[in-house]
Amino acid sequence: MKLPVIRHLQRSSSVAEITAAIAVLEQASEAPLIKDEELDVIGELISNLCGALEVHQLVAGGMTEKDACNTFMKKVVESIDR
């Protein structure tokens, strides 16, 4: 996950656009003969898009973009530490 990518997606895309992109990438990941390297890239893209969705939700809930990004990344770091 890359916070600059998440921030850019959150700023420049609507929730509907991000959701549609996730759906397309999920379908692509199920294609036959997909290589592991390609699957890794798709997974990275999906994780960044999901992060952008979560930041969108936090901002819609009243947080500033900076606080929403910090809250999201703190959650990610905490989940890695487990």
N, C-alpha and C. Protein backbone atom coordinates (compact mmCIF):
# COMPACT_ATOMS: atom_id res chain seq x y z
N MET A 1 0.83 -1.17 0.00
CA MET A 1 0.00 0.00 0.00
C MET A 1 0.88 1.24 0.00
N LYS A 2 0.47 2.19 -0.76
CA LYS A 2 1.22 3.43 -0.86
C LYS A 2 0.28 4.60 -0.60
N LEU A 3 0.56 5.31 0.48
CA LEU A 3 -0.32 6.41 0.88
C LEU A 3 -0.45 7.47 -0.21
N PRO A 4 0.62 7.86 -0.92
CA PRO A 4 0.42 8.85 -1.99
C PRO A 4 -0.55 8.38 -3.07
N VAL A 5 -0.53 7.09 -3.39
CA VAL A 5 -1.46 6.55 -4.38
C VAL A 5 -2.88 6.56 -3.83
N ILE A 6 -3.03 6.15 -2.58
CA ILE A 6 -4.34 6.14 -1.93
C ILE A 6 -4.91 7.55 -1.89
N ARG A 7 -4.10 8.51 -1.49
CA ARG A 7 -4.54 9.91 -1.41
C ARG A 7 -4.96 10.42 -2.79
N HIS A 8 -4.17 10.11 -3.81
CA HIS A 8 -4.50 10.56 -5.16
C HIS A 8 -5.83 9.95 -5.63
N LEU A 9 -6.00 8.65 -5.40
CA LEU A 9 -7.25 8.00 -5.80
C LEU A 9 -8.44 8.59 -5.07
N GLN A 10 -8.26 8.84 -3.78
CA GLN A 10 -9.36 9.39 -2.98
C GLN A 10 -9.74 10.78 -3.47
N ARG A 11 -8.75 11.57 -3.84
CA ARG A 11 -9.01 12.95 -4.29
C ARG A 11 -9.62 13.00 -5.68
N SER A 12 -9.21 12.10 -6.54
CA SER A 12 -9.56 12.23 -7.96
C SER A 12 -10.66 11.29 -8.44
N SER A 13 -11.15 10.41 -7.57
CA SER A 13 -12.14 9.42 -8.00
C SER A 13 -13.32 9.37 -7.04
N SER A 14 -14.46 9.11 -7.59
CA SER A 14 -15.66 8.96 -6.76
C SER A 14 -15.68 7.55 -6.17
N VAL A 15 -16.53 7.36 -5.17
CA VAL A 15 -16.71 6.03 -4.57
C VAL A 15 -17.17 5.04 -5.64
N ALA A 16 -18.07 5.47 -6.50
CA ALA A 16 -18.58 4.58 -7.55
C ALA A 16 -17.46 4.16 -8.51
N GLU A 17 -16.60 5.11 -8.87
CA GLU A 17 -15.49 4.78 -9.78
C GLU A 17 -14.52 3.80 -9.13
N ILE A 18 -14.21 4.02 -7.87
CA ILE A 18 -13.29 3.14 -7.16
C ILE A 18 -13.90 1.74 -7.02
N THR A 19 -15.16 1.69 -6.67
CA THR A 19 -15.85 0.41 -6.52
C THR A 19 -15.87 -0.35 -7.84
N ALA A 20 -16.12 0.34 -8.94
CA ALA A 20 -16.12 -0.30 -10.25
C ALA A 20 -14.74 -0.83 -10.60
N ALA A 21 -13.71 -0.06 -10.30
CA ALA A 21 -12.35 -0.50 -10.59
C ALA A 21 -12.00 -1.76 -9.80
N ILE A 22 -12.40 -1.79 -8.53
CA ILE A 22 -12.15 -2.97 -7.70
C ILE A 22 -12.84 -4.19 -8.31
N ALA A 23 -14.08 -4.03 -8.73
CA ALA A 23 -14.83 -5.16 -9.32
C ALA A 23 -14.14 -5.68 -10.57
N VAL A 24 -13.65 -4.78 -11.41
CA VAL A 24 -12.97 -5.20 -12.64
C VAL A 24 -11.68 -5.94 -12.30
N LEU A 25 -10.91 -5.42 -11.37
CA LEU A 25 -9.66 -6.07 -10.99
C LEU A 25 -9.90 -7.44 -10.34
N GLU A 26 -10.95 -7.54 -9.54
CA GLU A 26 -11.28 -8.85 -8.94
C GLU A 26 -11.61 -9.86 -10.02
N GLN A 27 -12.35 -9.45 -11.03
CA GLN A 27 -12.67 -10.36 -12.14
C GLN A 27 -11.41 -10.74 -12.91
N ALA A 28 -10.54 -9.75 -13.13
CA ALA A 28 -9.29 -10.03 -13.85
C ALA A 28 -8.42 -11.02 -13.09
N SER A 29 -8.45 -10.94 -11.77
CA SER A 29 -7.61 -11.84 -10.96
C SER A 29 -8.05 -13.30 -11.05
N GLU A 30 -9.27 -13.52 -11.50
CA GLU A 30 -9.80 -14.88 -11.62
C GLU A 30 -9.62 -15.47 -13.02
N ALA A 31 -8.97 -14.71 -13.88
CA ALA A 31 -8.77 -15.18 -15.25
C ALA A 31 -7.84 -16.39 -15.27
N PRO A 32 -8.13 -17.34 -16.16
CA PRO A 32 -7.24 -18.49 -16.26
C PRO A 32 -5.87 -18.07 -16.80
N LEU A 33 -4.87 -18.78 -16.40
CA LEU A 33 -3.49 -18.57 -16.86
C LEU A 33 -2.85 -17.27 -16.38
N ILE A 34 -3.45 -16.63 -15.39
CA ILE A 34 -2.83 -15.41 -14.87
C ILE A 34 -1.57 -15.79 -14.11
N LYS A 35 -0.53 -15.02 -14.30
CA LYS A 35 0.76 -15.31 -13.67
C LYS A 35 0.80 -14.74 -12.26
N ASP A 36 1.65 -15.32 -11.43
CA ASP A 36 1.78 -14.86 -10.04
C ASP A 36 2.18 -13.38 -9.96
N GLU A 37 3.09 -12.96 -10.83
CA GLU A 37 3.52 -11.57 -10.82
C GLU A 37 2.35 -10.64 -11.15
N GLU A 38 1.54 -11.04 -12.08
CA GLU A 38 0.37 -10.24 -12.45
C GLU A 38 -0.63 -10.20 -11.30
N LEU A 39 -0.80 -11.32 -10.64
CA LEU A 39 -1.70 -11.38 -9.50
C LEU A 39 -1.22 -10.48 -8.36
N ASP A 40 0.10 -10.42 -8.17
CA ASP A 40 0.66 -9.53 -7.15
C ASP A 40 0.36 -8.07 -7.47
N VAL A 41 0.49 -7.69 -8.72
CA VAL A 41 0.20 -6.31 -9.13
C VAL A 41 -1.28 -5.99 -8.94
N ILE A 42 -2.13 -6.91 -9.34
CA ILE A 42 -3.57 -6.71 -9.17
C ILE A 42 -3.91 -6.57 -7.69
N GLY A 43 -3.31 -7.41 -6.86
CA GLY A 43 -3.54 -7.32 -5.42
C GLY A 43 -3.12 -5.98 -4.84
N GLU A 44 -1.98 -5.47 -5.29
CA GLU A 44 -1.51 -4.16 -4.83
C GLU A 44 -2.47 -3.06 -5.25
N LEU A 45 -2.94 -3.13 -6.49
CA LEU A 45 -3.91 -2.14 -6.97
C LEU A 45 -5.21 -2.20 -6.16
N ILE A 46 -5.70 -3.40 -5.92
CA ILE A 46 -6.93 -3.55 -5.14
C ILE A 46 -6.75 -3.01 -3.73
N SER A 47 -5.61 -3.29 -3.11
CA SER A 47 -5.40 -2.79 -1.74
C SER A 47 -5.35 -1.27 -1.70
N ASN A 48 -4.74 -0.65 -2.70
CA ASN A 48 -4.72 0.81 -2.76
C ASN A 48 -6.12 1.37 -2.98
N LEU A 49 -6.89 0.73 -3.84
CA LEU A 49 -8.26 1.18 -4.09
C LEU A 49 -9.13 1.02 -2.83
N CYS A 50 -8.96 -0.09 -2.13
CA CYS A 50 -9.72 -0.29 -0.89
C CYS A 50 -9.32 0.75 0.15
N GLY A 51 -8.05 1.08 0.20
CA GLY A 51 -7.59 2.14 1.10
C GLY A 51 -8.22 3.48 0.76
N ALA A 52 -8.30 3.77 -0.53
CA ALA A 52 -8.94 5.03 -0.96
C ALA A 52 -10.41 5.05 -0.58
N LEU A 53 -11.08 3.90 -0.69
CA LEU A 53 -12.49 3.83 -0.27
C LEU A 53 -12.64 4.11 1.22
N GLU A 54 -11.75 3.52 2.00
CA GLU A 54 -11.83 3.73 3.45
C GLU A 54 -11.57 5.19 3.81
N VAL A 55 -10.59 5.80 3.16
CA VAL A 55 -10.31 7.22 3.42
C VAL A 55 -11.51 8.06 3.00
N HIS A 56 -12.13 7.72 1.86
CA HIS A 56 -13.36 8.43 1.43
C HIS A 56 -14.41 8.38 2.54
N GLN A 57 -14.61 7.20 3.10
CA GLN A 57 -15.63 7.03 4.14
C GLN A 57 -15.30 7.84 5.39
N LEU A 58 -14.04 7.88 5.77
CA LEU A 58 -13.65 8.64 6.95
C LEU A 58 -13.84 10.14 6.72
N VAL A 59 -13.50 10.60 5.53
CA VAL A 59 -13.71 12.02 5.19
C VAL A 59 -15.19 12.35 5.17
N ALA A 60 -15.99 11.45 4.60
CA ALA A 60 -17.45 11.66 4.57
C ALA A 60 -18.02 11.68 5.98
N GLY A 61 -17.37 11.00 6.90
CA GLY A 61 -17.80 10.98 8.29
C GLY A 61 -17.38 12.20 9.08
N GLY A 62 -16.64 13.11 8.45
CA GLY A 62 -16.30 14.37 9.10
C GLY A 62 -14.82 14.59 9.39
N MET A 63 -13.98 13.61 9.11
CA MET A 63 -12.55 13.78 9.36
C MET A 63 -11.93 14.64 8.26
N THR A 64 -10.83 15.29 8.62
CA THR A 64 -10.05 15.96 7.58
C THR A 64 -9.33 14.88 6.78
N GLU A 65 -8.91 15.22 5.58
CA GLU A 65 -8.20 14.23 4.76
C GLU A 65 -6.93 13.76 5.46
N LYS A 66 -6.21 14.67 6.06
CA LYS A 66 -4.97 14.31 6.76
C LYS A 66 -5.25 13.33 7.90
N ASP A 67 -6.25 13.63 8.71
CA ASP A 67 -6.60 12.73 9.82
C ASP A 67 -7.11 11.38 9.31
N ALA A 68 -7.87 11.40 8.23
CA ALA A 68 -8.39 10.16 7.66
C ALA A 68 -7.24 9.28 7.16
N CYS A 69 -6.28 9.88 6.48
CA CYS A 69 -5.12 9.13 5.99
C CYS A 69 -4.31 8.58 7.16
N ASN A 70 -4.09 9.40 8.17
CA ASN A 70 -3.33 8.94 9.35
C ASN A 70 -4.06 7.81 10.08
N THR A 71 -5.37 7.93 10.21
CA THR A 71 -6.16 6.89 10.87
C THR A 71 -6.09 5.59 10.09
N PHE A 72 -6.21 5.69 8.78
CA PHE A 72 -6.15 4.50 7.94
C PHE A 72 -4.79 3.82 8.05
N MET A 73 -3.71 4.59 7.94
CA MET A 73 -2.38 4.00 7.99
C MET A 73 -2.07 3.43 9.37
N LYS A 74 -2.58 4.06 10.41
CA LYS A 74 -2.39 3.51 11.76
C LYS A 74 -3.07 2.15 11.85
N LYS A 75 -4.25 2.03 11.30
CA LYS A 75 -4.98 0.77 11.28
C LYS A 75 -4.19 -0.31 10.52
N VAL A 76 -3.59 0.07 9.41
CA VAL A 76 -2.80 -0.86 8.61
C VAL A 76 -1.59 -1.34 9.40
N VAL A 77 -0.88 -0.41 10.02
CA VAL A 77 0.32 -0.75 10.78
C VAL A 77 -0.04 -1.66 11.95
N GLU A 78 -1.13 -1.35 12.64
CA GLU A 78 -1.57 -2.18 13.75
C GLU A 78 -1.92 -3.60 13.30
N SER A 79 -2.50 -3.73 12.13
CA SER A 79 -2.86 -5.06 11.63
C SER A 79 -1.61 -5.86 11.23
N ILE A 80 -0.57 -5.18 10.83
CA ILE A 80 0.68 -5.85 10.48
C ILE A 80 1.40 -6.32 11.74
N ASP A 81 1.31 -5.53 12.80
CA ASP A 81 1.98 -5.86 14.06
C ASP A 81 1.39 -7.09 14.73
N ARG A 82 0.18 -7.45 14.40
CA ARG A 82 -0.49 -8.59 15.06
C ARG A 82 0.10 -9.88 14.66
